[in-house]
Amino acid sequence: MAHKKFRLVDAILSIICIVFVCEAAAPAAAIGNSQFFWWILLIVIFLLPYGLIVSELASTYDTDGGLYDWVRNA
C-alpha cells in the first residue's frame, strides 16, 4: 500500500471545506450577494496577514521543519 502524504493542496482544500462551507453556509445564504464583499474583506484583514506571519515564522528556522520546529519549541 502506498503512503499518502498530506500536501499543502490538501490542507487548503480541507480548510475551504470545513471553515468556508460547513460553518458558513447558512449565514452566507442569509446575507445574500453582499457575502462576496465580506469574504474578500475577511481574506484581506485576517487570512492574508495570518499567512504572512506563518510564512515568516516558517522561514525563521533553517531546518527542514520550519513552522513545525517553531511550534515544537514553543
Protein backbone atom coordinates (compact mmCIF):
# COMPACT_ATOMS: atom_id res chain seq x y z
CA MET A 1 0.00 0.00 0.00
CA ALA A 2 1.41 3.38 -0.98
CA HIS A 3 1.95 6.04 1.64
CA LYS A 4 -0.25 9.07 1.24
CA LYS A 5 1.14 12.45 2.20
CA PHE A 6 -0.81 15.42 3.49
CA ARG A 7 0.18 18.08 0.99
CA LEU A 8 -0.37 21.84 1.01
CA VAL A 9 -3.19 21.48 -1.50
CA ASP A 10 -4.91 19.00 0.82
CA ALA A 11 -4.64 21.44 3.72
CA ILE A 12 -6.05 24.32 1.70
CA LEU A 13 -8.95 22.28 0.38
CA SER A 14 -9.79 20.94 3.83
CA ILE A 15 -9.82 24.46 5.27
CA ILE A 16 -12.12 25.60 2.48
CA CYS A 17 -14.46 22.66 3.03
CA ILE A 18 -14.57 22.88 6.81
CA VAL A 19 -14.46 26.59 7.54
CA PHE A 20 -15.85 28.26 4.46
CA VAL A 21 -18.52 25.73 3.52
CA CYS A 22 -19.79 23.79 6.54
CA GLU A 23 -19.79 26.51 9.16
CA ALA A 24 -20.62 29.44 6.92
CA ALA A 25 -23.24 28.06 4.56
CA ALA A 26 -26.31 29.26 6.48
CA PRO A 27 -25.00 32.73 7.43
CA ALA A 28 -23.68 33.32 3.91
CA ALA A 29 -27.04 32.36 2.42
CA ALA A 30 -28.80 34.75 4.80
CA ILE A 31 -26.53 37.64 3.82
CA GLY A 32 -27.15 37.27 0.10
CA ASN A 33 -24.94 38.78 -2.59
CA SER A 34 -23.13 41.08 -0.18
CA GLN A 35 -21.38 37.99 1.17
CA PHE A 36 -18.72 38.33 -1.53
CA PHE A 37 -17.64 41.69 -0.14
CA TRP A 38 -17.38 40.21 3.35
CA TRP A 39 -15.41 37.17 2.14
CA ILE A 40 -12.90 39.41 0.38
CA LEU A 41 -12.69 41.69 3.42
CA LEU A 42 -12.09 38.71 5.70
CA ILE A 43 -9.38 37.37 3.43
CA VAL A 44 -7.59 40.72 3.32
CA ILE A 45 -7.94 41.54 7.01
CA PHE A 46 -7.40 38.11 8.56
CA LEU A 47 -6.11 35.41 6.23
CA LEU A 48 -3.51 37.44 4.34
CA PRO A 49 -1.72 38.77 7.46
CA TYR A 50 -2.05 35.36 9.10
CA GLY A 51 -0.38 33.74 6.09
CA LEU A 52 2.41 36.31 6.15
CA ILE A 53 3.03 35.70 9.87
CA VAL A 54 3.13 31.94 9.40
CA SER A 55 5.48 32.21 6.42
CA GLU A 56 7.80 34.49 8.41
CA LEU A 57 7.87 32.05 11.31
CA ALA A 58 8.45 29.13 8.96
CA SER A 59 11.37 30.86 7.25
CA THR A 60 13.00 31.82 10.57
CA TYR A 61 14.27 28.32 11.24
CA ASP A 62 16.92 26.88 8.95
CA THR A 63 15.97 23.25 9.49
CA ASP A 64 13.63 21.30 7.26
CA GLY A 65 10.75 21.55 9.73
CA GLY A 66 10.28 25.33 9.61
CA LEU A 67 6.90 26.03 11.16
CA TYR A 68 6.87 22.58 12.77
CA ASP A 69 10.11 23.37 14.62
CA TRP A 70 8.70 26.69 15.84
CA VAL A 71 5.58 25.01 17.25
CA ARG A 72 7.60 22.19 18.83
CA ASN A 73 9.97 24.65 20.51
CA ALA A 74 7.09 26.81 21.75
